[in-house]
Amino acid sequence: MYSKPPATRFVYINSIRYSENSLISDGIILNEITENGIILNINGTLYRMPIK
């Protein structure tokens, strides 16, 4: 869920709630939650995943 204050943003991935800068698994960090999706940091490379 996107909101203007970053501290209140969150997403559910595989039924687990994550906030920005959370470690999802080894080498995968939820870098940012945007209005249009999320940005993942996977081993140092950023990937944008849009909302479906």
PDB file of N, CA and C in Angstrom:
ATOM      1  N   MET A   1       0.838  -1.162   0.000  1.00  0.00           N
ATOM      2  CA  MET A   1       0.000   0.000   0.000  1.00  0.00           C
ATOM      3  C   MET A   1       0.891   1.235   0.000  1.00  0.00           C
ATOM      4  N   TYR A   2       0.660   2.119  -0.944  1.00  0.00           N
ATOM      5  CA  TYR A   2       1.440   3.347  -1.040  1.00  0.00           C
ATOM      6  C   TYR A   2       0.781   4.452  -0.223  1.00  0.00           C
ATOM      7  N   SER A   3       1.598   5.238   0.454  1.00  0.00           N
ATOM      8  CA  SER A   3       1.138   6.459   1.101  1.00  0.00           C
ATOM      9  C   SER A   3       2.302   7.448   1.075  1.00  0.00           C
ATOM     10  N   LYS A   4       1.996   8.719   1.226  1.00  0.00           N
ATOM     11  CA  LYS A   4       3.049   9.737   1.148  1.00  0.00           C
ATOM     12  C   LYS A   4       4.129   9.544   2.208  1.00  0.00           C
ATOM     13  N   PRO A   5       3.794   9.330   3.481  1.00  0.00           N
ATOM     14  CA  PRO A   5       4.862   9.099   4.462  1.00  0.00           C
ATOM     15  C   PRO A   5       5.482   7.710   4.265  1.00  0.00           C
ATOM     16  N   PRO A   6       6.767   7.632   3.966  1.00  0.00           N
ATOM     17  CA  PRO A   6       7.401   6.321   3.715  1.00  0.00           C
ATOM     18  C   PRO A   6       7.243   5.317   4.852  1.00  0.00           C
ATOM     19  N   ALA A   7       7.170   5.785   6.078  1.00  0.00           N
ATOM     20  CA  ALA A   7       7.070   4.873   7.217  1.00  0.00           C
ATOM     21  C   ALA A   7       5.768   4.080   7.236  1.00  0.00           C
ATOM     22  N   THR A   8       4.762   4.522   6.508  1.00  0.00           N
ATOM     23  CA  THR A   8       3.472   3.820   6.513  1.00  0.00           C
ATOM     24  C   THR A   8       3.234   2.982   5.260  1.00  0.00           C
ATOM     25  N   ARG A   9       4.208   2.901   4.379  1.00  0.00           N
ATOM     26  CA  ARG A   9       4.078   2.088   3.152  1.00  0.00           C
ATOM     27  C   ARG A   9       4.364   0.625   3.463  1.00  0.00           C
ATOM     28  N   PHE A  10       3.618  -0.268   2.813  1.00  0.00           N
ATOM     29  CA  PHE A  10       3.881  -1.691   2.972  1.00  0.00           C
ATOM     30  C   PHE A  10       3.310  -2.465   1.790  1.00  0.00           C
ATOM     31  N   VAL A  11       3.813  -3.680   1.605  1.00  0.00           N
ATOM     32  CA  VAL A  11       3.283  -4.604   0.604  1.00  0.00           C
ATOM     33  C   VAL A  11       3.252  -5.995   1.222  1.00  0.00           C
ATOM     34  N   TYR A  12       2.412  -6.851   0.664  1.00  0.00           N
ATOM     35  CA  TYR A  12       2.402  -8.261   1.032  1.00  0.00           C
ATOM     36  C   TYR A  12       3.003  -9.047  -0.121  1.00  0.00           C
ATOM     37  N   ILE A  13       3.994  -9.855   0.202  1.00  0.00           N
ATOM     38  CA  ILE A  13       4.617 -10.748  -0.770  1.00  0.00           C
ATOM     39  C   ILE A  13       4.566 -12.144  -0.169  1.00  0.00           C
ATOM     40  N   ASN A  14       3.912 -13.057  -0.844  1.00  0.00           N
ATOM     41  CA  ASN A  14       3.715 -14.418  -0.331  1.00  0.00           C
ATOM     42  C   ASN A  14       3.131 -14.398   1.078  1.00  0.00           C
ATOM     43  N   SER A  15       2.135 -13.554   1.281  1.00  0.00           N
ATOM     44  CA  SER A  15       1.397 -13.424   2.543  1.00  0.00           C
ATOM     45  C   SER A  15       2.222 -12.883   3.709  1.00  0.00           C
ATOM     46  N   ILE A  16       3.375 -12.291   3.427  1.00  0.00           N
ATOM     47  CA  ILE A  16       4.217 -11.677   4.450  1.00  0.00           C
ATOM     48  C   ILE A  16       4.267 -10.180   4.194  1.00  0.00           C
ATOM     49  N   ARG A  17       4.075  -9.402   5.249  1.00  0.00           N
ATOM     50  CA  ARG A  17       4.068  -7.943   5.131  1.00  0.00           C
ATOM     51  C   ARG A  17       5.504  -7.410   5.194  1.00  0.00           C
ATOM     52  N   TYR A  18       5.841  -6.551   4.206  1.00  0.00           N
ATOM     53  CA  TYR A  18       7.161  -5.928   4.144  1.00  0.00           C
ATOM     54  C   TYR A  18       7.014  -4.420   4.032  1.00  0.00           C
ATOM     55  N   SER A  19       7.964  -3.695   4.616  1.00  0.00           N
ATOM     56  CA  SER A  19       8.039  -2.246   4.449  1.00  0.00           C
ATOM     57  C   SER A  19       9.303  -1.934   3.646  1.00  0.00           C
ATOM     58  N   GLU A  20       9.497  -0.675   3.301  1.00  0.00           N
ATOM     59  CA  GLU A  20      10.666  -0.282   2.519  1.00  0.00           C
ATOM     60  C   GLU A  20      11.952  -0.661   3.255  1.00  0.00           C
ATOM     61  N   ASN A  21      12.950  -1.038   2.481  1.00  0.00           N
ATOM     62  CA  ASN A  21      14.278  -1.453   2.963  1.00  0.00           C
ATOM     63  C   ASN A  21      14.266  -2.757   3.748  1.00  0.00           C
ATOM     64  N   SER A  22      13.236  -3.584   3.561  1.00  0.00           N
ATOM     65  CA  SER A  22      13.160  -4.888   4.219  1.00  0.00           C
ATOM     66  C   SER A  22      13.903  -5.939   3.399  1.00  0.00           C
ATOM     67  N   LEU A  23      14.537  -6.861   4.094  1.00  0.00           N
ATOM     68  CA  LEU A  23      15.175  -8.002   3.456  1.00  0.00           C
ATOM     69  C   LEU A  23      14.100  -9.038   3.177  1.00  0.00           C
ATOM     70  N   ILE A  24      13.923  -9.373   1.897  1.00  0.00           N
ATOM     71  CA  ILE A  24      12.915 -10.360   1.508  1.00  0.00           C
ATOM     72  C   ILE A  24      13.520 -11.759   1.559  1.00  0.00           C
ATOM     73  N   SER A  25      14.715 -11.903   1.016  1.00  0.00           N
ATOM     74  CA  SER A  25      15.482 -13.149   1.103  1.00  0.00           C
ATOM     75  C   SER A  25      16.928 -12.792   0.791  1.00  0.00           C
ATOM     76  N   ASP A  26      17.813 -13.772   0.826  1.00  0.00           N
ATOM     77  CA  ASP A  26      19.232 -13.505   0.573  1.00  0.00           C
ATOM     78  C   ASP A  26      19.421 -12.747  -0.726  1.00  0.00           C
ATOM     79  N   GLY A  27      19.998 -11.553  -0.634  1.00  0.00           N
ATOM     80  CA  GLY A  27      20.300 -10.762  -1.821  1.00  0.00           C
ATOM     81  C   GLY A  27      19.137  -9.984  -2.402  1.00  0.00           C
ATOM     82  N   ILE A  28      17.954 -10.052  -1.790  1.00  0.00           N
ATOM     83  CA  ILE A  28      16.783  -9.341  -2.311  1.00  0.00           C
ATOM     84  C   ILE A  28      16.244  -8.410  -1.235  1.00  0.00           C
ATOM     85  N   ILE A  29      16.261  -7.104  -1.536  1.00  0.00           N
ATOM     86  CA  ILE A  29      15.782  -6.086  -0.617  1.00  0.00           C
ATOM     87  C   ILE A  29      14.667  -5.296  -1.283  1.00  0.00           C
ATOM     88  N   LEU A  30      13.607  -5.071  -0.545  1.00  0.00           N
ATOM     89  CA  LEU A  30      12.534  -4.194  -1.023  1.00  0.00           C
ATOM     90  C   LEU A  30      13.029  -2.769  -0.848  1.00  0.00           C
ATOM     91  N   ASN A  31      13.503  -2.189  -1.917  1.00  0.00           N
ATOM     92  CA  ASN A  31      14.140  -0.873  -1.867  1.00  0.00           C
ATOM     93  C   ASN A  31      13.127   0.253  -1.670  1.00  0.00           C
ATOM     94  N   GLU A  32      12.043   0.221  -2.454  1.00  0.00           N
ATOM     95  CA  GLU A  32      11.075   1.320  -2.395  1.00  0.00           C
ATOM     96  C   GLU A  32       9.700   0.856  -2.832  1.00  0.00           C
ATOM     97  N   ILE A  33       8.675   1.452  -2.243  1.00  0.00           N
ATOM     98  CA  ILE A  33       7.293   1.235  -2.648  1.00  0.00           C
ATOM     99  C   ILE A  33       6.826   2.538  -3.289  1.00  0.00           C
ATOM    100  N   THR A  34       6.411   2.455  -4.548  1.00  0.00           N
ATOM    101  CA  THR A  34       5.978   3.644  -5.285  1.00  0.00           C
ATOM    102  C   THR A  34       4.479   3.573  -5.551  1.00  0.00           C
ATOM    103  N   GLU A  35       3.941   4.635  -6.123  1.00  0.00           N
ATOM    104  CA  GLU A  35       2.518   4.639  -6.474  1.00  0.00           C
ATOM    105  C   GLU A  35       2.195   3.589  -7.528  1.00  0.00           C
ATOM    106  N   ASN A  36       3.188   3.221  -8.346  1.00  0.00           N
ATOM    107  CA  ASN A  36       2.958   2.316  -9.471  1.00  0.00           C
ATOM    108  C   ASN A  36       3.501   0.909  -9.276  1.00  0.00           C
ATOM    109  N   GLY A  37       4.141   0.635  -8.145  1.00  0.00           N
ATOM    110  CA  GLY A  37       4.699  -0.693  -7.926  1.00  0.00           C
ATOM    111  C   GLY A  37       5.792  -0.673  -6.875  1.00  0.00           C
ATOM    112  N   ILE A  38       6.751  -1.583  -7.019  1.00  0.00           N
ATOM    113  CA  ILE A  38       7.858  -1.655  -6.075  1.00  0.00           C
ATOM    114  C   ILE A  38       9.182  -1.658  -6.822  1.00  0.00           C
ATOM    115  N   ILE A  39      10.241  -1.323  -6.108  1.00  0.00           N
ATOM    116  CA  ILE A  39      11.585  -1.381  -6.650  1.00  0.00           C
ATOM    117  C   ILE A  39      12.376  -2.333  -5.762  1.00  0.00           C
ATOM    118  N   LEU A  40      12.886  -3.394  -6.367  1.00  0.00           N
ATOM    119  CA  LEU A  40      13.669  -4.391  -5.654  1.00  0.00           C
ATOM    120  C   LEU A  40      15.146  -4.202  -5.946  1.00  0.00           C
ATOM    121  N   ASN A  41      15.966  -4.411  -4.942  1.00  0.00           N
ATOM    122  CA  ASN A  41      17.414  -4.438  -5.106  1.00  0.00           C
ATOM    123  C   ASN A  41      17.814  -5.904  -5.028  1.00  0.00           C
ATOM    124  N   ILE A  42      18.233  -6.447  -6.164  1.00  0.00           N
ATOM    125  CA  ILE A  42      18.624  -7.846  -6.216  1.00  0.00           C
ATOM    126  C   ILE A  42      20.110  -7.902  -6.492  1.00  0.00           C
ATOM    127  N   ASN A  43      20.861  -8.231  -5.451  1.00  0.00           N
ATOM    128  CA  ASN A  43      22.328  -8.298  -5.527  1.00  0.00           C
ATOM    129  C   ASN A  43      22.923  -7.034  -6.123  1.00  0.00           C
ATOM    130  N   GLY A  44      22.398  -5.869  -5.727  1.00  0.00           N
ATOM    131  CA  GLY A  44      22.947  -4.589  -6.152  1.00  0.00           C
ATOM    132  C   GLY A  44      22.347  -4.003  -7.412  1.00  0.00           C
ATOM    133  N   THR A  45      21.474  -4.725  -8.095  1.00  0.00           N
ATOM    134  CA  THR A  45      20.820  -4.222  -9.298  1.00  0.00           C
ATOM    135  C   THR A  45      19.360  -3.919  -8.976  1.00  0.00           C
ATOM    136  N   LEU A  46      18.898  -2.736  -9.383  1.00  0.00           N
ATOM    137  CA  LEU A  46      17.523  -2.327  -9.119  1.00  0.00           C
ATOM    138  C   LEU A  46      16.585  -2.797 -10.218  1.00  0.00           C
ATOM    139  N   TYR A  47      15.443  -3.352  -9.807  1.00  0.00           N
ATOM    140  CA  TYR A  47      14.410  -3.809 -10.731  1.00  0.00           C
ATOM    141  C   TYR A  47      13.081  -3.205 -10.323  1.00  0.00           C
ATOM    142  N   ARG A  48      12.366  -2.653 -11.277  1.00  0.00           N
ATOM    143  CA  ARG A  48      11.038  -2.089 -11.027  1.00  0.00           C
ATOM    144  C   ARG A  48       9.995  -3.150 -11.373  1.00  0.00           C
ATOM    145  N   MET A  49       9.068  -3.382 -10.442  1.00  0.00           N
ATOM    146  CA  MET A  49       7.976  -4.322 -10.677  1.00  0.00           C
ATOM    147  C   MET A  49       6.675  -3.533 -10.575  1.00  0.00           C
ATOM    148  N   PRO A  50       5.954  -3.399 -11.690  1.00  0.00           N
ATOM    149  CA  PRO A  50       4.699  -2.624 -11.680  1.00  0.00           C
ATOM    150  C   PRO A  50       3.576  -3.374 -10.981  1.00  0.00           C
ATOM    151  N   ILE A  51       2.580  -2.623 -10.536  1.00  0.00           N
ATOM    152  CA  ILE A  51       1.371  -3.206  -9.973  1.00  0.00           C
ATOM    153  C   ILE A  51       0.573  -3.843 -11.104  1.00  0.00           C
ATOM    154  N   LYS A  52       0.041  -5.011 -10.877  1.00  0.00           N
ATOM    155  CA  LYS A  52      -0.765  -5.676 -11.906  1.00  0.00           C
ATOM    156  C   LYS A  52      -2.213  -5.372 -11.722  1.00  0.00           C
TER     157      LYS A  52
END
